[in-house]
Amino acid sequence: MTAEAQNASLVETEYDAYGVPGVVRLTMNRPDAFNALSEGLLDALQSALSGLAQSQARVVVIAGAGRAFCAGHDLKEMRAAPSLAYYQALFARCTKLMMTIQRLPQPVIARVHGIATAAGCQLVAMCDLAVAAQTARFAVSGVNLGLFCATPSVPLSRNLSRKAALEMLLTGEFIDAAEAKQQGLINRVAPMDSLDAEIARLATSICAKPVEAVSAGKGLFYRQLEMGIEAAYQLAGQTMACNMMDESALEGVQAFIDKRAPDWKR
């Protein structure tokens, strides 16, 4: 089997997932390693996500096979040939993947069960939305091994309050799904046997909206977060003005005026 074929098997792709047209589910497929982010899995996820950017997909779901969502980087692989250059290249590869998620025009939902630790918790934080099983647990536990979770701290500090994020980073302790929702790391919590149904409800709601508004809105949301408030308002105003010229927005507003359901062309 070629390296490309091996990497492809590390991510299983399901179209029209949960019976919802336009939803694509990517399942990390290293169950025996708790879906640890090996180089191969990083490459497979990167390839799968990049391939969806210009597709007809409306929502992307990232899930994990087996007993866990993702246990972070593959530490055995990382220790096999330690060098500064290797680690710099590895974390650059991981950063590229995380930014691909944010730059994807489609909303990305993390489907979390079991544990999401270190870079696995980072992956949850980088996804646009997250739905977790009640039994899911989250930690950025590198500090327990003498390694501060620096790259996970970037999205974590943009999801949680500063003190909540830093407590997780400095202690390496787990939080449960209820606390993760309270702190802002995830959106919804469901019993394990209802997890997919909850994701389907969320994805269906998003898919019912015009693709132009969803895509433009996601892009604007992240860009304005890194700006000062005046520049953010300027960008938001320009985005909203352009959005108002879309056929879907003109139809939506007219439908509201006419007191009828919009007839969006998808």
C-alpha atoms as a PDB file:
ATOM      1  CA  MET A   1       0.000   0.000   0.000  1.00  0.00           C
ATOM      2  CA  THR A   2       1.350   3.439  -0.928  1.00  0.00           C
ATOM      3  CA  ALA A   3       1.854   6.146   1.691  1.00  0.00           C
ATOM      4  CA  GLU A   4      -0.937   8.142   0.063  1.00  0.00           C
ATOM      5  CA  ALA A   5      -3.329   5.187   0.327  1.00  0.00           C
ATOM      6  CA  GLN A   6      -2.324   4.576   3.943  1.00  0.00           C
ATOM      7  CA  ASN A   7      -3.002   8.208   4.820  1.00  0.00           C
ATOM      8  CA  ALA A   8      -6.363   8.088   3.051  1.00  0.00           C
ATOM      9  CA  SER A   9      -7.431   5.167   5.241  1.00  0.00           C
ATOM     10  CA  LEU A  10      -6.685   7.262   8.337  1.00  0.00           C
ATOM     11  CA  VAL A  11      -9.696   9.475   7.630  1.00  0.00           C
ATOM     12  CA  GLU A  12     -13.033   7.992   6.621  1.00  0.00           C
ATOM     13  CA  THR A  13     -15.284  10.325   4.620  1.00  0.00           C
ATOM     14  CA  GLU A  14     -19.076  10.068   4.682  1.00  0.00           C
ATOM     15  CA  TYR A  15     -21.210  12.286   2.451  1.00  0.00           C
ATOM     16  CA  ASP A  16     -24.761  13.321   3.356  1.00  0.00           C
ATOM     17  CA  ALA A  17     -23.957  12.181   6.889  1.00  0.00           C
ATOM     18  CA  TYR A  18     -26.792  11.750   9.399  1.00  0.00           C
ATOM     19  CA  GLY A  19     -29.129  11.707   6.409  1.00  0.00           C
ATOM     20  CA  VAL A  20     -28.620  15.447   5.909  1.00  0.00           C
ATOM     21  CA  PRO A  21     -27.720  16.496   2.337  1.00  0.00           C
ATOM     22  CA  GLY A  22     -24.540  18.573   2.230  1.00  0.00           C
ATOM     23  CA  VAL A  23     -23.110  17.342   5.545  1.00  0.00           C
ATOM     24  CA  VAL A  24     -19.710  15.663   5.275  1.00  0.00           C
ATOM     25  CA  ARG A  25     -18.361  13.672   8.206  1.00  0.00           C
ATOM     26  CA  LEU A  26     -14.606  13.085   8.494  1.00  0.00           C
ATOM     27  CA  THR A  27     -13.769  10.351  10.998  1.00  0.00           C
ATOM     28  CA  MET A  28     -10.226  10.065  12.314  1.00  0.00           C
ATOM     29  CA  ASN A  29      -9.456   6.365  12.070  1.00  0.00           C
ATOM     30  CA  ARG A  30      -6.702   5.433  14.533  1.00  0.00           C
ATOM     31  CA  PRO A  31      -8.898   3.914  17.240  1.00  0.00           C
ATOM     32  CA  ASP A  32      -6.142   1.809  18.796  1.00  0.00           C
ATOM     33  CA  ALA A  33      -4.110   4.996  19.374  1.00  0.00           C
ATOM     34  CA  PHE A  34      -7.100   7.078  20.537  1.00  0.00           C
ATOM     35  CA  ASN A  35      -6.820   8.899  17.200  1.00  0.00           C
ATOM     36  CA  ALA A  36      -3.509  10.491  18.149  1.00  0.00           C
ATOM     37  CA  LEU A  37      -2.410  12.991  15.508  1.00  0.00           C
ATOM     38  CA  SER A  38       0.416  11.161  13.784  1.00  0.00           C
ATOM     39  CA  GLU A  39       2.077  12.778  10.786  1.00  0.00           C
ATOM     40  CA  GLY A  40      -0.020  10.547   8.565  1.00  0.00           C
ATOM     41  CA  LEU A  41      -3.275  11.545  10.248  1.00  0.00           C
ATOM     42  CA  LEU A  42      -2.358  15.235  10.086  1.00  0.00           C
ATOM     43  CA  ASP A  43      -1.699  14.870   6.354  1.00  0.00           C
ATOM     44  CA  ALA A  44      -4.916  12.895   5.816  1.00  0.00           C
ATOM     45  CA  LEU A  45      -7.029  15.491   7.609  1.00  0.00           C
ATOM     46  CA  GLN A  46      -5.298  18.301   5.730  1.00  0.00           C
ATOM     47  CA  SER A  47      -5.983  16.625   2.404  1.00  0.00           C
ATOM     48  CA  ALA A  48      -9.608  15.866   3.242  1.00  0.00           C
ATOM     49  CA  LEU A  49     -10.386  19.369   4.477  1.00  0.00           C
ATOM     50  CA  SER A  50      -8.577  21.105   1.619  1.00  0.00           C
ATOM     51  CA  GLY A  51     -10.543  18.984  -0.829  1.00  0.00           C
ATOM     52  CA  LEU A  52     -13.838  20.168   0.667  1.00  0.00           C
ATOM     53  CA  ALA A  53     -13.088  23.897   0.459  1.00  0.00           C
ATOM     54  CA  GLN A  54     -14.446  24.308  -3.082  1.00  0.00           C
ATOM     55  CA  SER A  55     -16.995  21.495  -2.866  1.00  0.00           C
ATOM     56  CA  GLN A  56     -20.776  21.544  -2.482  1.00  0.00           C
ATOM     57  CA  ALA A  57     -20.448  20.567   1.196  1.00  0.00           C
ATOM     58  CA  ARG A  58     -22.474  22.773   3.517  1.00  0.00           C
ATOM     59  CA  VAL A  59     -21.264  21.550   6.934  1.00  0.00           C
ATOM     60  CA  VAL A  60     -18.231  19.465   7.926  1.00  0.00           C
ATOM     61  CA  VAL A  61     -18.171  17.243  11.013  1.00  0.00           C
ATOM     62  CA  ILE A  62     -14.908  15.956  12.490  1.00  0.00           C
ATOM     63  CA  ALA A  63     -15.269  12.795  14.574  1.00  0.00           C
ATOM     64  CA  GLY A  64     -13.089  10.088  16.055  1.00  0.00           C
ATOM     65  CA  ALA A  65     -13.369   6.314  15.705  1.00  0.00           C
ATOM     66  CA  GLY A  66     -13.279   4.013  18.715  1.00  0.00           C
ATOM     67  CA  ARG A  67     -13.357   5.077  22.345  1.00  0.00           C
ATOM     68  CA  ALA A  68     -12.093   8.660  22.049  1.00  0.00           C
ATOM     69  CA  PHE A  69     -12.149  11.789  19.949  1.00  0.00           C
ATOM     70  CA  CYS A  70      -8.419  12.544  19.936  1.00  0.00           C
ATOM     71  CA  ALA A  71      -5.571  12.121  22.418  1.00  0.00           C
ATOM     72  CA  GLY A  72      -3.326  14.807  20.909  1.00  0.00           C
ATOM     73  CA  HIS A  73      -0.022  14.321  19.127  1.00  0.00           C
ATOM     74  CA  ASP A  74       1.521  10.880  18.760  1.00  0.00           C
ATOM     75  CA  LEU A  75       4.185  11.047  21.486  1.00  0.00           C
ATOM     76  CA  LYS A  76       5.914   7.830  20.432  1.00  0.00           C
ATOM     77  CA  GLU A  77       6.360   9.198  16.936  1.00  0.00           C
ATOM     78  CA  MET A  78       7.570  12.522  18.326  1.00  0.00           C
ATOM     79  CA  ARG A  79      10.267  10.828  20.421  1.00  0.00           C
ATOM     80  CA  ALA A  80      11.530   8.580  17.626  1.00  0.00           C
ATOM     81  CA  ALA A  81      13.843  11.174  16.046  1.00  0.00           C
ATOM     82  CA  PRO A  82      13.981  14.268  18.262  1.00  0.00           C
ATOM     83  CA  SER A  83      15.438  17.422  16.757  1.00  0.00           C
ATOM     84  CA  LEU A  84      14.515  21.086  16.814  1.00  0.00           C
ATOM     85  CA  ALA A  85      13.986  21.132  13.047  1.00  0.00           C
ATOM     86  CA  TYR A  86      11.642  18.128  13.222  1.00  0.00           C
ATOM     87  CA  TYR A  87       9.542  19.630  15.992  1.00  0.00           C
ATOM     88  CA  GLN A  88       9.344  22.997  14.256  1.00  0.00           C
ATOM     89  CA  ALA A  89       8.150  21.298  11.053  1.00  0.00           C
ATOM     90  CA  LEU A  90       5.642  19.137  12.966  1.00  0.00           C
ATOM     91  CA  PHE A  91       4.023  22.046  14.789  1.00  0.00           C
ATOM     92  CA  ALA A  92       3.981  24.103  11.591  1.00  0.00           C
ATOM     93  CA  ARG A  93       2.108  21.231   9.928  1.00  0.00           C
ATOM     94  CA  CYS A  94      -0.359  21.122  12.821  1.00  0.00           C
ATOM     95  CA  THR A  95      -0.853  24.900  12.685  1.00  0.00           C
ATOM     96  CA  LYS A  96      -1.569  24.701   8.949  1.00  0.00           C
ATOM     97  CA  LEU A  97      -4.297  22.138   9.635  1.00  0.00           C
ATOM     98  CA  MET A  98      -5.851  24.235  12.389  1.00  0.00           C
ATOM     99  CA  MET A  99      -5.897  27.346  10.209  1.00  0.00           C
ATOM    100  CA  THR A 100      -7.389  25.352   7.332  1.00  0.00           C
ATOM    101  CA  ILE A 101     -10.368  24.602   9.593  1.00  0.00           C
ATOM    102  CA  GLN A 102     -10.847  28.295  10.355  1.00  0.00           C
ATOM    103  CA  ARG A 103     -10.426  29.350   6.715  1.00  0.00           C
ATOM    104  CA  LEU A 104     -12.781  26.718   5.341  1.00  0.00           C
ATOM    105  CA  PRO A 105     -15.942  28.412   4.019  1.00  0.00           C
ATOM    106  CA  GLN A 106     -18.122  25.724   5.600  1.00  0.00           C
ATOM    107  CA  PRO A 107     -18.802  25.597   9.350  1.00  0.00           C
ATOM    108  CA  VAL A 108     -16.900  22.753  11.022  1.00  0.00           C
ATOM    109  CA  ILE A 109     -18.432  20.881  13.970  1.00  0.00           C
ATOM    110  CA  ALA A 110     -16.404  18.728  16.359  1.00  0.00           C
ATOM    111  CA  ARG A 111     -18.198  15.532  17.429  1.00  0.00           C
ATOM    112  CA  VAL A 112     -16.571  14.753  20.775  1.00  0.00           C
ATOM    113  CA  HIS A 113     -16.746  11.582  22.814  1.00  0.00           C
ATOM    114  CA  GLY A 114     -14.319   9.995  25.236  1.00  0.00           C
ATOM    115  CA  ILE A 115     -11.307  12.242  25.703  1.00  0.00           C
ATOM    116  CA  ALA A 116     -10.011  15.268  23.831  1.00  0.00           C
ATOM    117  CA  THR A 117      -6.559  16.024  25.192  1.00  0.00           C
ATOM    118  CA  ALA A 118      -3.669  18.339  24.261  1.00  0.00           C
ATOM    119  CA  ALA A 119      -3.787  18.805  20.467  1.00  0.00           C
ATOM    120  CA  GLY A 120      -7.103  16.942  20.525  1.00  0.00           C
ATOM    121  CA  CYS A 121      -8.523  19.641  22.766  1.00  0.00           C
ATOM    122  CA  GLN A 122      -6.900  22.180  20.439  1.00  0.00           C
ATOM    123  CA  LEU A 123      -8.788  20.584  17.544  1.00  0.00           C
ATOM    124  CA  VAL A 124     -12.088  20.984  19.416  1.00  0.00           C
ATOM    125  CA  ALA A 125     -11.294  24.627  20.169  1.00  0.00           C
ATOM    126  CA  MET A 126     -10.400  25.352  16.532  1.00  0.00           C
ATOM    127  CA  CYS A 127     -13.628  23.886  15.157  1.00  0.00           C
ATOM    128  CA  ASP A 128     -16.343  26.492  14.692  1.00  0.00           C
ATOM    129  CA  LEU A 129     -18.812  24.541  16.819  1.00  0.00           C
ATOM    130  CA  ALA A 130     -18.610  21.497  19.082  1.00  0.00           C
ATOM    131  CA  VAL A 131     -21.114  18.978  20.382  1.00  0.00           C
ATOM    132  CA  ALA A 132     -19.985  16.547  23.078  1.00  0.00           C
ATOM    133  CA  ALA A 133     -21.278  13.458  24.788  1.00  0.00           C
ATOM    134  CA  GLN A 134     -22.079  13.887  28.474  1.00  0.00           C
ATOM    135  CA  THR A 135     -19.188  11.569  29.325  1.00  0.00           C
ATOM    136  CA  ALA A 136     -16.595  13.459  27.267  1.00  0.00           C
ATOM    137  CA  ARG A 137     -13.596  14.951  29.059  1.00  0.00           C
ATOM    138  CA  PHE A 138     -11.163  17.668  28.021  1.00  0.00           C
ATOM    139  CA  ALA A 139      -7.605  18.550  29.069  1.00  0.00           C
ATOM    140  CA  VAL A 140      -4.467  20.266  27.827  1.00  0.00           C
ATOM    141  CA  SER A 141      -2.245  17.911  29.765  1.00  0.00           C
ATOM    142  CA  GLY A 142       1.190  18.493  28.284  1.00  0.00           C
ATOM    143  CA  VAL A 143       2.342  20.290  31.416  1.00  0.00           C
ATOM    144  CA  ASN A 144       2.080  16.965  33.264  1.00  0.00           C
ATOM    145  CA  LEU A 145       4.916  15.759  31.023  1.00  0.00           C
ATOM    146  CA  GLY A 146       6.951  18.947  31.358  1.00  0.00           C
ATOM    147  CA  LEU A 147       5.639  20.350  28.069  1.00  0.00           C
ATOM    148  CA  PHE A 148       3.416  23.438  28.184  1.00  0.00           C
ATOM    149  CA  CYS A 149       0.642  23.098  25.588  1.00  0.00           C
ATOM    150  CA  ALA A 150       1.671  26.245  23.733  1.00  0.00           C
ATOM    151  CA  THR A 151      -0.086  25.647  20.420  1.00  0.00           C
ATOM    152  CA  PRO A 152      -3.330  24.463  22.076  1.00  0.00           C
ATOM    153  CA  SER A 153      -3.228  27.630  24.189  1.00  0.00           C
ATOM    154  CA  VAL A 154      -3.896  29.740  21.084  1.00  0.00           C
ATOM    155  CA  PRO A 155      -7.472  28.576  20.354  1.00  0.00           C
ATOM    156  CA  LEU A 156      -8.147  27.723  23.994  1.00  0.00           C
ATOM    157  CA  SER A 157      -7.525  31.338  25.040  1.00  0.00           C
ATOM    158  CA  ARG A 158      -9.886  32.446  22.265  1.00  0.00           C
ATOM    159  CA  ASN A 159     -12.694  30.183  23.494  1.00  0.00           C
ATOM    160  CA  LEU A 160     -12.454  30.409  27.283  1.00  0.00           C
ATOM    161  CA  SER A 161     -11.823  33.305  29.622  1.00  0.00           C
ATOM    162  CA  ARG A 162      -8.121  33.949  30.273  1.00  0.00           C
ATOM    163  CA  LYS A 163      -8.172  32.580  33.798  1.00  0.00           C
ATOM    164  CA  ALA A 164     -10.139  29.461  32.864  1.00  0.00           C
ATOM    165  CA  ALA A 165      -7.824  28.730  29.934  1.00  0.00           C
ATOM    166  CA  LEU A 166      -4.674  29.316  31.945  1.00  0.00           C
ATOM    167  CA  GLU A 167      -5.902  27.092  34.772  1.00  0.00           C
ATOM    168  CA  MET A 168      -6.351  24.229  32.317  1.00  0.00           C
ATOM    169  CA  LEU A 169      -2.937  24.897  30.788  1.00  0.00           C
ATOM    170  CA  LEU A 170      -1.070  25.178  34.107  1.00  0.00           C
ATOM    171  CA  THR A 171      -2.691  22.231  35.881  1.00  0.00           C
ATOM    172  CA  GLY A 172      -3.292  19.792  33.033  1.00  0.00           C
ATOM    173  CA  GLU A 173      -6.459  18.724  34.835  1.00  0.00           C
ATOM    174  CA  PHE A 174      -9.553  17.391  33.083  1.00  0.00           C
ATOM    175  CA  ILE A 175     -12.859  19.188  32.857  1.00  0.00           C
ATOM    176  CA  ASP A 176     -16.090  17.377  32.019  1.00  0.00           C
ATOM    177  CA  ALA A 177     -18.552  18.192  29.259  1.00  0.00           C
ATOM    178  CA  ALA A 178     -20.817  20.250  31.497  1.00  0.00           C
ATOM    179  CA  GLU A 179     -17.942  22.507  32.552  1.00  0.00           C
ATOM    180  CA  ALA A 180     -16.610  22.669  29.001  1.00  0.00           C
ATOM    181  CA  LYS A 181     -20.001  24.012  27.886  1.00  0.00           C
ATOM    182  CA  GLN A 182     -20.139  26.465  30.775  1.00  0.00           C
ATOM    183  CA  GLN A 183     -16.638  27.726  29.951  1.00  0.00           C
ATOM    184  CA  GLY A 184     -17.426  28.131  26.238  1.00  0.00           C
ATOM    185  CA  LEU A 185     -15.308  25.334  24.784  1.00  0.00           C
ATOM    186  CA  ILE A 186     -18.318  23.468  23.369  1.00  0.00           C
ATOM    187  CA  ASN A 187     -21.845  24.406  22.315  1.00  0.00           C
ATOM    188  CA  ARG A 188     -24.032  21.475  23.240  1.00  0.00           C
ATOM    189  CA  VAL A 189     -23.973  18.360  25.428  1.00  0.00           C
ATOM    190  CA  ALA A 190     -25.997  15.228  24.745  1.00  0.00           C
ATOM    191  CA  PRO A 191     -26.225  11.663  26.014  1.00  0.00           C
ATOM    192  CA  MET A 192     -23.916   9.417  24.014  1.00  0.00           C
ATOM    193  CA  ASP A 193     -26.839   7.639  22.361  1.00  0.00           C
ATOM    194  CA  SER A 194     -28.277  11.003  21.272  1.00  0.00           C
ATOM    195  CA  LEU A 195     -25.005  12.616  20.177  1.00  0.00           C
ATOM    196  CA  ASP A 196     -25.485  12.073  16.452  1.00  0.00           C
ATOM    197  CA  ALA A 197     -29.100  13.220  16.589  1.00  0.00           C
ATOM    198  CA  GLU A 198     -28.016  16.452  18.285  1.00  0.00           C
ATOM    199  CA  ILE A 199     -25.359  17.053  15.636  1.00  0.00           C
ATOM    200  CA  ALA A 200     -27.909  16.336  12.914  1.00  0.00           C
ATOM    201  CA  ARG A 201     -30.258  18.964  14.380  1.00  0.00           C
ATOM    202  CA  LEU A 202     -27.495  21.552  14.476  1.00  0.00           C
ATOM    203  CA  ALA A 203     -26.245  20.744  10.972  1.00  0.00           C
ATOM    204  CA  THR A 204     -29.785  20.758   9.556  1.00  0.00           C
ATOM    205  CA  SER A 205     -30.394  24.223  10.985  1.00  0.00           C
ATOM    206  CA  ILE A 206     -27.212  25.552   9.353  1.00  0.00           C
ATOM    207  CA  CYS A 207     -27.911  23.855   6.020  1.00  0.00           C
ATOM    208  CA  ALA A 208     -31.315  25.546   5.903  1.00  0.00           C
ATOM    209  CA  LYS A 209     -29.609  28.948   5.628  1.00  0.00           C
ATOM    210  CA  PRO A 210     -28.220  30.464   2.378  1.00  0.00           C
ATOM    211  CA  VAL A 211     -24.682  29.292   1.702  1.00  0.00           C
ATOM    212  CA  GLU A 212     -23.530  32.829   0.827  1.00  0.00           C
ATOM    213  CA  ALA A 213     -24.569  34.232   4.195  1.00  0.00           C
ATOM    214  CA  VAL A 214     -23.035  31.350   6.151  1.00  0.00           C
ATOM    215  CA  SER A 215     -19.715  31.465   4.284  1.00  0.00           C
ATOM    216  CA  ALA A 216     -19.371  35.259   4.388  1.00  0.00           C
ATOM    217  CA  GLY A 217     -20.434  35.317   8.016  1.00  0.00           C
ATOM    218  CA  LYS A 218     -17.877  32.760   9.121  1.00  0.00           C
ATOM    219  CA  GLY A 219     -15.074  34.603   7.330  1.00  0.00           C
ATOM    220  CA  LEU A 220     -16.100  37.944   8.810  1.00  0.00           C
ATOM    221  CA  PHE A 221     -16.466  36.508  12.310  1.00  0.00           C
ATOM    222  CA  TYR A 222     -12.852  35.389  12.573  1.00  0.00           C
ATOM    223  CA  ARG A 223     -11.303  38.343  10.777  1.00  0.00           C
ATOM    224  CA  GLN A 224     -13.007  40.962  12.934  1.00  0.00           C
ATOM    225  CA  LEU A 225     -11.993  39.195  16.158  1.00  0.00           C
ATOM    226  CA  GLU A 226      -8.355  40.094  15.493  1.00  0.00           C
ATOM    227  CA  MET A 227      -9.097  43.757  14.734  1.00  0.00           C
ATOM    228  CA  GLY A 228      -9.676  46.892  16.733  1.00  0.00           C
ATOM    229  CA  ILE A 229     -13.345  47.772  17.096  1.00  0.00           C
ATOM    230  CA  GLU A 230     -13.377  50.581  14.498  1.00  0.00           C
ATOM    231  CA  ALA A 231     -11.727  48.435  11.820  1.00  0.00           C
ATOM    232  CA  ALA A 232     -14.027  45.564  12.784  1.00  0.00           C
ATOM    233  CA  TYR A 233     -17.099  47.717  12.221  1.00  0.00           C
ATOM    234  CA  GLN A 234     -15.770  48.889   8.849  1.00  0.00           C
ATOM    235  CA  LEU A 235     -15.206  45.307   7.720  1.00  0.00           C
ATOM    236  CA  ALA A 236     -18.578  44.193   9.102  1.00  0.00           C
ATOM    237  CA  GLY A 237     -20.402  47.017   7.351  1.00  0.00           C
ATOM    238  CA  GLN A 238     -18.756  46.215   4.026  1.00  0.00           C
ATOM    239  CA  THR A 239     -19.506  42.518   4.459  1.00  0.00           C
ATOM    240  CA  MET A 240     -23.144  43.194   5.307  1.00  0.00           C
ATOM    241  CA  ALA A 241     -23.560  45.596   2.379  1.00  0.00           C
ATOM    242  CA  CYS A 242     -22.197  42.997  -0.047  1.00  0.00           C
ATOM    243  CA  ASN A 243     -24.326  40.305   1.575  1.00  0.00           C
ATOM    244  CA  MET A 244     -27.438  42.469   1.083  1.00  0.00           C
ATOM    245  CA  MET A 245     -26.774  42.407  -2.668  1.00  0.00           C
ATOM    246  CA  ASP A 246     -26.880  38.602  -2.758  1.00  0.00           C
ATOM    247  CA  GLU A 247     -29.992  37.143  -4.387  1.00  0.00           C
ATOM    248  CA  SER A 248     -30.657  35.068  -1.268  1.00  0.00           C
ATOM    249  CA  ALA A 249     -30.643  38.111   1.033  1.00  0.00           C
ATOM    250  CA  LEU A 250     -32.875  40.132  -1.296  1.00  0.00           C
ATOM    251  CA  GLU A 251     -35.313  37.210  -1.416  1.00  0.00           C
ATOM    252  CA  GLY A 252     -35.158  36.701   2.348  1.00  0.00           C
ATOM    253  CA  VAL A 253     -35.949  40.336   3.107  1.00  0.00           C
ATOM    254  CA  GLN A 254     -38.746  40.433   0.525  1.00  0.00           C
ATOM    255  CA  ALA A 255     -40.207  37.231   1.964  1.00  0.00           C
ATOM    256  CA  PHE A 256     -40.215  38.825   5.421  1.00  0.00           C
ATOM    257  CA  ILE A 257     -42.023  41.873   4.046  1.00  0.00           C
ATOM    258  CA  ASP A 258     -44.519  39.638   2.221  1.00  0.00           C
ATOM    259  CA  LYS A 259     -44.994  37.481   5.346  1.00  0.00           C
ATOM    260  CA  ARG A 260     -44.079  34.248   3.531  1.00  0.00           C
ATOM    261  CA  ALA A 261     -41.316  31.655   3.636  1.00  0.00           C
ATOM    262  CA  PRO A 262     -38.256  32.554   1.514  1.00  0.00           C
ATOM    263  CA  ASP A 263     -37.734  30.658  -1.736  1.00  0.00           C
ATOM    264  CA  TRP A 264     -33.963  30.263  -1.691  1.00  0.00           C
ATOM    265  CA  LYS A 265     -32.254  28.675  -4.687  1.00  0.00           C
ATOM    266  CA  ARG A 266     -29.674  26.238  -3.304  1.00  0.00           C
END
